[in-house]
Protein backbone atom coordinates (compact mmCIF):
# COMPACT_ATOMS: atom_id res chain seq x y z
CA MET A 1 -20.89 -63.41 6.56
CA ASP A 2 -18.42 -63.06 3.79
CA GLU A 3 -19.65 -59.61 2.88
CA GLN A 4 -17.29 -57.00 1.58
CA PRO A 5 -17.41 -53.75 3.54
CA ASN A 6 -17.75 -51.35 0.57
CA GLN A 7 -20.65 -53.02 -1.20
CA SER A 8 -23.54 -50.74 -2.08
CA LEU A 9 -27.21 -51.57 -1.93
CA PRO A 10 -28.78 -53.15 -5.03
CA ASN A 11 -29.66 -50.77 -7.86
CA GLN A 12 -27.55 -48.00 -6.37
CA PRO A 13 -24.45 -46.52 -7.94
CA GLN A 14 -21.33 -46.79 -5.86
CA THR A 15 -20.27 -43.46 -4.37
CA THR A 16 -16.86 -42.55 -3.12
CA PRO A 17 -16.18 -40.10 -0.33
CA SER A 18 -15.65 -36.61 -1.64
CA VAL A 19 -13.10 -34.18 -0.29
CA GLY A 20 -14.52 -31.14 -2.08
CA PRO A 21 -17.66 -29.13 -1.35
CA VAL A 22 -20.91 -30.92 -0.57
CA THR A 23 -23.24 -30.87 -3.56
CA PRO A 24 -26.25 -33.07 -4.39
CA SER A 25 -24.07 -35.16 -6.70
CA THR A 26 -21.60 -35.94 -3.90
CA LEU A 27 -24.19 -36.89 -1.25
CA PRO A 28 -24.62 -40.63 -0.63
CA LEU A 29 -27.92 -42.14 -1.69
CA THR A 30 -30.05 -43.54 1.12
CA PRO A 31 -33.00 -45.89 0.71
CA VAL A 32 -36.49 -44.60 1.38
CA PRO A 33 -37.40 -45.62 4.94
CA ASN A 34 -40.34 -48.03 5.37
CA SER A 35 -40.58 -48.60 1.64
CA PRO A 36 -42.45 -51.76 0.71
CA ASP A 37 -40.12 -52.28 -2.25
CA PRO A 38 -36.43 -52.68 -1.22
CA THR A 39 -35.42 -51.93 -4.81
CA ALA A 40 -37.20 -48.55 -4.77
CA PRO A 41 -35.09 -45.63 -5.95
CA SER A 42 -33.15 -43.81 -3.29
CA VAL A 43 -33.82 -40.27 -2.17
CA ILE A 44 -31.19 -37.59 -1.81
CA THR A 45 -31.56 -35.64 1.38
CA PRO A 46 -29.68 -32.37 0.92
CA ILE A 47 -27.84 -31.03 3.90
CA ARG A 48 -27.60 -27.28 4.14
CA VAL A 49 -24.13 -26.34 5.28
CA PRO A 50 -23.54 -22.64 5.94
CA GLN A 51 -20.89 -21.34 3.61
CA PRO A 52 -18.56 -18.49 4.46
CA PRO A 53 -19.17 -15.37 2.41
CA GLN A 54 -17.39 -15.73 -0.88
CA THR A 55 -15.38 -12.80 -2.14
CA SER A 56 -15.26 -12.58 -5.85
CA PRO A 57 -12.02 -11.62 -7.58
CA ASP A 58 -13.67 -8.32 -8.51
CA THR A 59 -14.32 -7.52 -4.84
CA VAL A 60 -10.74 -8.39 -3.88
CA GLN A 61 -9.36 -6.33 -6.76
CA LEU A 62 -11.60 -3.40 -5.81
CA GLY A 63 -10.41 -3.58 -2.19
CA GLU A 64 -6.79 -3.74 -3.28
CA PHE A 65 -7.38 -0.85 -5.70
CA LYS A 66 -8.84 1.29 -2.91
CA ARG A 67 -5.91 0.44 -0.65
CA GLN A 68 -3.37 1.34 -3.31
CA LYS A 69 -5.27 4.54 -4.16
CA PHE A 70 -5.28 5.59 -0.48
CA ILE A 71 -1.55 4.96 -0.16
CA LYS A 72 -0.77 6.80 -3.38
CA LYS A 73 -2.90 9.85 -2.49
CA ALA A 74 -1.41 10.05 1.02
CA HIS A 75 2.08 9.77 -0.49
CA GLN A 76 1.30 12.53 -3.01
CA ILE A 77 -0.07 14.89 -0.32
CA ILE A 78 2.92 14.37 1.97
CA MET A 79 5.38 14.85 -0.89
CA TYR A 80 3.54 17.99 -2.04
CA PHE A 81 3.85 19.63 1.39
CA LEU A 82 7.46 18.50 1.72
CA THR A 83 8.31 19.98 -1.69
CA VAL A 84 6.73 23.33 -0.82
CA LEU A 85 8.62 23.41 2.50
CA GLU A 86 11.91 22.47 0.86
CA ILE A 87 11.50 25.23 -1.76
CA LEU A 88 10.79 27.79 0.97
CA PHE A 89 13.80 26.59 2.99
CA THR A 90 16.06 26.73 -0.07
CA LEU A 91 14.96 30.27 -0.89
CA ARG A 92 15.45 31.29 2.76
CA PHE A 93 18.95 29.80 2.81
CA LEU A 94 19.93 31.44 -0.48
CA PHE A 95 18.48 34.84 0.47
CA LYS A 96 20.42 34.79 3.77
CA LEU A 97 23.56 33.65 1.96
CA ILE A 98 23.45 36.43 -0.67
CA THR A 99 22.15 39.02 1.80
CA ALA A 100 18.90 39.72 -0.01
CA ASN A 101 17.12 42.99 0.79
CA SER A 102 15.18 42.17 3.97
CA THR A 103 12.69 44.97 3.32
CA SER A 104 11.44 43.38 0.07
CA PRO A 105 7.88 42.03 0.48
CA LEU A 106 8.79 38.68 -1.12
CA VAL A 107 11.81 38.18 1.13
CA ILE A 108 9.79 39.20 4.21
CA TRP A 109 7.04 36.75 3.23
CA ILE A 110 9.51 33.88 2.70
CA TYR A 111 11.29 34.63 6.01
CA ASP A 112 7.96 34.76 7.88
CA ILE A 113 6.49 31.56 6.41
CA SER A 114 9.68 29.50 6.60
CA GLY A 115 10.61 30.96 9.98
CA ALA A 116 7.66 29.23 11.63
CA PHE A 117 8.97 25.85 10.43
CA VAL A 118 12.64 26.59 11.17
CA TYR A 119 11.94 27.91 14.69
CA PRO A 120 11.96 24.47 16.45
CA PHE A 121 15.57 23.97 15.29
CA VAL A 122 16.94 27.40 16.28
CA GLY A 123 19.84 27.06 18.71
CA ILE A 124 20.78 23.47 17.82
CA VAL A 125 23.64 24.64 15.60
CA LYS A 126 25.32 28.03 15.21
CA ASN A 127 24.95 30.02 12.03
CA SER A 128 28.21 31.09 10.48
CA GLY A 129 29.29 33.72 8.00
CA ARG A 130 31.48 36.69 7.26
CA GLY A 131 30.07 40.12 7.35
CA ALA A 132 26.56 40.26 5.94
CA HIS A 133 26.75 36.80 4.31
CA ILE A 134 25.17 34.26 6.64
CA SER A 135 25.21 30.49 6.25
CA GLU A 136 22.10 29.55 8.14
CA TRP A 137 22.80 25.96 9.20
CA THR A 138 19.53 25.83 11.10
CA THR A 139 17.65 25.99 7.80
CA LEU A 140 19.70 23.14 6.34
CA LEU A 141 19.08 21.08 9.47
CA ALA A 142 15.35 21.77 9.21
CA MET A 143 15.39 20.71 5.54
CA GLY A 144 16.97 17.36 6.40
CA LEU A 145 14.80 16.63 9.42
CA TYR A 146 11.54 17.52 7.68
CA ALA A 147 12.51 15.21 4.79
CA LEU A 148 13.21 12.43 7.30
CA PHE A 149 9.90 13.11 9.04
CA ALA A 150 8.06 12.91 5.69
CA LEU A 151 9.67 9.54 4.89
CA ILE A 152 8.66 8.18 8.30
CA LEU A 153 5.12 9.46 7.79
CA ILE A 154 4.89 7.78 4.38
CA GLY A 155 6.10 4.53 5.94
CA LEU A 156 3.42 4.77 8.64
CA VAL A 157 0.72 5.37 6.04
CA LYS A 158 1.82 2.22 4.21
CA LEU A 159 1.99 0.28 7.47
CA PHE A 160 -1.46 1.24 8.76
CA ALA A 161 -3.29 1.35 5.42
CA PRO A 162 -6.19 -1.09 5.13
CA THR A 163 -5.07 -4.47 3.89
CA ALA A 164 -7.07 -7.08 2.03
CA PRO A 165 -7.32 -10.32 4.05
CA GLN A 166 -5.66 -12.25 1.23
CA LYS A 167 -2.62 -9.94 1.34
CA VAL A 168 -1.93 -10.27 5.08
CA TRP A 169 0.26 -13.37 4.75
CA GLU A 170 1.79 -12.40 1.42
CA GLU A 171 3.62 -9.34 2.73
């Protein structure tokens, strides 16, 4: 019994174990059972192994594109509203500082619209000024806090935006 362990059957090519995917070319050849001729050609018996769904690079790129588009649009919307608020707050602050005519329809409109957003901060700091000129510190505080709130909101959008499975460990 001086047989070597890796000898193949007669008339069969030697196969080596494969580490890669199972394909008909990597399956070992087995002799036909109950064949009258031991030198008969071997038969490949394919084994069906379920494969995980393959994502093509196009699908991954499309998913990443949609994610980036969502983040960019959300960022643009937040920045648009912040810019409009900051412009209204700046006009309110300047009109109070230069004592604009408070009976003018434009000034009334700006005071009314911006007043709804400044109201939560009324009473935190005192407004100062001499005579009719008022430095409305509440408006400046509201400008800063709304900008901070917008930055936090943008960060949350980026944090909770859908992520491609391949990107989870990269970030």
